[in-house]
Amino acid sequence: MAYSINEACVSCWACLPLCPSNAITASSNSGTHFKIDPKKCTECNGDFADPQCSSICPIEGAILDASGEALNPPGSLTGISPGRLEEAMVEIQTRAR
């Protein structure tokens, strides 16, 4: 079991110092996003009740569990459901015309 970080990561560096197993590193692709070494990731078991990377991550959907599910799914940080966000974006685009 291990978490992963996808391309939604904005390389904000928030998660890096919080990882108790030092499993998070900068991607070899210069500045694209961070990655989690699955051999080192303990999902914070034995260290913290909640995964530290997802607790601090400001980007919804950037950190995934072993099954590919987002630890911070869309709407979990903003409080705006994906459907409502889509409606709001349409309204904003309509006003801009």
C-alpha atoms as a PDB file:
ATOM      1  CA  MET A   1       0.000   0.000   0.000  1.00  0.00           C
ATOM      2  CA  ALA A   2       1.233   3.450  -0.863  1.00  0.00           C
ATOM      3  CA  TYR A   3      -0.054   6.824  -1.910  1.00  0.00           C
ATOM      4  CA  SER A   4       0.866   8.545  -5.151  1.00  0.00           C
ATOM      5  CA  ILE A   5       0.944  12.114  -6.419  1.00  0.00           C
ATOM      6  CA  ASN A   6      -0.393  12.835  -9.889  1.00  0.00           C
ATOM      7  CA  GLU A   7       0.159  15.635 -12.401  1.00  0.00           C
ATOM      8  CA  ALA A   8      -2.326  17.916 -10.613  1.00  0.00           C
ATOM      9  CA  CYS A   9       0.487  18.627  -8.114  1.00  0.00           C
ATOM     10  CA  VAL A  10       1.689  22.243  -8.317  1.00  0.00           C
ATOM     11  CA  SER A  11       4.964  21.615  -6.466  1.00  0.00           C
ATOM     12  CA  CYS A  12       4.069  23.844  -3.546  1.00  0.00           C
ATOM     13  CA  TRP A  13       6.471  21.942  -1.247  1.00  0.00           C
ATOM     14  CA  ALA A  14       3.927  21.760   1.612  1.00  0.00           C
ATOM     15  CA  CYS A  15       3.962  17.969   1.881  1.00  0.00           C
ATOM     16  CA  LEU A  16       7.690  17.364   1.643  1.00  0.00           C
ATOM     17  CA  PRO A  17       8.750  18.235   5.219  1.00  0.00           C
ATOM     18  CA  LEU A  18       5.711  16.518   6.760  1.00  0.00           C
ATOM     19  CA  CYS A  19       6.295  12.997   5.437  1.00  0.00           C
ATOM     20  CA  PRO A  20       7.518  10.887   8.389  1.00  0.00           C
ATOM     21  CA  SER A  21       9.056   8.246   6.110  1.00  0.00           C
ATOM     22  CA  ASN A  22      10.736  10.692   3.695  1.00  0.00           C
ATOM     23  CA  ALA A  23       8.886   9.032   0.830  1.00  0.00           C
ATOM     24  CA  ILE A  24       8.154  12.279  -1.043  1.00  0.00           C
ATOM     25  CA  THR A  25      10.714  13.642  -3.487  1.00  0.00           C
ATOM     26  CA  ALA A  26      10.819  16.061  -6.377  1.00  0.00           C
ATOM     27  CA  SER A  27      10.080  14.428  -9.708  1.00  0.00           C
ATOM     28  CA  SER A  28      13.014  13.944 -12.041  1.00  0.00           C
ATOM     29  CA  ASN A  29      11.058  16.005 -14.576  1.00  0.00           C
ATOM     30  CA  SER A  30      12.289  19.458 -13.643  1.00  0.00           C
ATOM     31  CA  GLY A  31       9.587  21.229 -11.641  1.00  0.00           C
ATOM     32  CA  THR A  32       6.585  19.222 -12.833  1.00  0.00           C
ATOM     33  CA  HIS A  33       5.432  17.659  -9.581  1.00  0.00           C
ATOM     34  CA  PHE A  34       6.476  15.628  -6.578  1.00  0.00           C
ATOM     35  CA  LYS A  35       6.323  11.860  -6.353  1.00  0.00           C
ATOM     36  CA  ILE A  36       5.947   9.307  -3.576  1.00  0.00           C
ATOM     37  CA  ASP A  37       8.283   6.334  -3.403  1.00  0.00           C
ATOM     38  CA  PRO A  38       5.924   3.359  -2.888  1.00  0.00           C
ATOM     39  CA  LYS A  39       8.685   1.396  -1.150  1.00  0.00           C
ATOM     40  CA  LYS A  40       9.027   4.089   1.520  1.00  0.00           C
ATOM     41  CA  CYS A  41       5.396   5.220   1.902  1.00  0.00           C
ATOM     42  CA  THR A  42       3.783   3.889   5.065  1.00  0.00           C
ATOM     43  CA  GLU A  43       0.587   5.938   4.637  1.00  0.00           C
ATOM     44  CA  CYS A  44       1.655   7.434   7.994  1.00  0.00           C
ATOM     45  CA  ASN A  45       0.583   4.223   9.766  1.00  0.00           C
ATOM     46  CA  GLY A  46       2.157   4.150  13.200  1.00  0.00           C
ATOM     47  CA  ASP A  47       3.068   7.831  13.033  1.00  0.00           C
ATOM     48  CA  PHE A  48      -0.163   9.792  12.533  1.00  0.00           C
ATOM     49  CA  ALA A  49      -3.896   9.132  12.476  1.00  0.00           C
ATOM     50  CA  ASP A  50      -4.245  10.969   9.147  1.00  0.00           C
ATOM     51  CA  PRO A  51      -1.889  10.985   6.164  1.00  0.00           C
ATOM     52  CA  GLN A  52       0.196  14.108   6.489  1.00  0.00           C
ATOM     53  CA  CYS A  53       0.607  14.704   2.762  1.00  0.00           C
ATOM     54  CA  SER A  54      -3.110  14.907   2.080  1.00  0.00           C
ATOM     55  CA  SER A  55      -3.766  16.817   5.296  1.00  0.00           C
ATOM     56  CA  ILE A  56      -1.627  19.710   4.034  1.00  0.00           C
ATOM     57  CA  CYS A  57      -2.113  19.422   0.258  1.00  0.00           C
ATOM     58  CA  PRO A  58      -4.006  22.444  -1.131  1.00  0.00           C
ATOM     59  CA  ILE A  59      -4.904  20.717  -4.418  1.00  0.00           C
ATOM     60  CA  GLU A  60      -7.984  18.537  -4.718  1.00  0.00           C
ATOM     61  CA  GLY A  61      -7.308  15.221  -6.424  1.00  0.00           C
ATOM     62  CA  ALA A  62      -3.493  15.475  -6.377  1.00  0.00           C
ATOM     63  CA  ILE A  63      -2.818  12.664  -3.897  1.00  0.00           C
ATOM     64  CA  LEU A  64      -4.261   9.220  -4.562  1.00  0.00           C
ATOM     65  CA  ASP A  65      -4.574   6.118  -2.415  1.00  0.00           C
ATOM     66  CA  ALA A  66      -3.451   2.683  -3.581  1.00  0.00           C
ATOM     67  CA  SER A  67      -6.749   2.122  -5.410  1.00  0.00           C
ATOM     68  CA  GLY A  68      -6.451   5.419  -7.313  1.00  0.00           C
ATOM     69  CA  GLU A  69      -9.049   7.310  -5.279  1.00  0.00           C
ATOM     70  CA  ALA A  70      -8.299  10.938  -4.410  1.00  0.00           C
ATOM     71  CA  LEU A  71      -7.619  11.525  -0.728  1.00  0.00           C
ATOM     72  CA  ASN A  72      -8.948  15.073  -1.207  1.00  0.00           C
ATOM     73  CA  PRO A  73     -11.681  14.541  -3.820  1.00  0.00           C
ATOM     74  CA  PRO A  74     -13.216  17.423  -5.779  1.00  0.00           C
ATOM     75  CA  GLY A  75     -15.222  19.652  -3.456  1.00  0.00           C
ATOM     76  CA  SER A  76     -13.566  18.430  -0.266  1.00  0.00           C
ATOM     77  CA  LEU A  77     -11.343  21.480   0.182  1.00  0.00           C
ATOM     78  CA  THR A  78     -13.454  24.184  -1.434  1.00  0.00           C
ATOM     79  CA  GLY A  79     -16.808  22.982  -0.178  1.00  0.00           C
ATOM     80  CA  ILE A  80     -18.148  23.400  -3.703  1.00  0.00           C
ATOM     81  CA  SER A  81     -19.548  20.244  -5.240  1.00  0.00           C
ATOM     82  CA  PRO A  82     -18.228  19.424  -8.732  1.00  0.00           C
ATOM     83  CA  GLY A  83     -21.693  20.005 -10.231  1.00  0.00           C
ATOM     84  CA  ARG A  84     -22.053  23.408  -8.620  1.00  0.00           C
ATOM     85  CA  LEU A  85     -18.530  24.382  -9.673  1.00  0.00           C
ATOM     86  CA  GLU A  86     -19.343  23.506 -13.277  1.00  0.00           C
ATOM     87  CA  GLU A  87     -22.513  25.638 -13.106  1.00  0.00           C
ATOM     88  CA  ALA A  88     -20.581  28.554 -11.634  1.00  0.00           C
ATOM     89  CA  MET A  89     -17.922  28.334 -14.357  1.00  0.00           C
ATOM     90  CA  VAL A  90     -20.599  28.429 -17.064  1.00  0.00           C
ATOM     91  CA  GLU A  91     -22.150  31.486 -15.397  1.00  0.00           C
ATOM     92  CA  ILE A  92     -18.772  33.226 -15.173  1.00  0.00           C
ATOM     93  CA  GLN A  93     -18.002  32.508 -18.821  1.00  0.00           C
ATOM     94  CA  THR A  94     -21.436  33.784 -19.846  1.00  0.00           C
ATOM     95  CA  ARG A  95     -20.850  37.069 -17.994  1.00  0.00           C
ATOM     96  CA  ALA A  96     -17.462  37.528 -19.645  1.00  0.00           C
ATOM     97  CA  ARG A  97     -18.997  37.591 -23.127  1.00  0.00           C
END
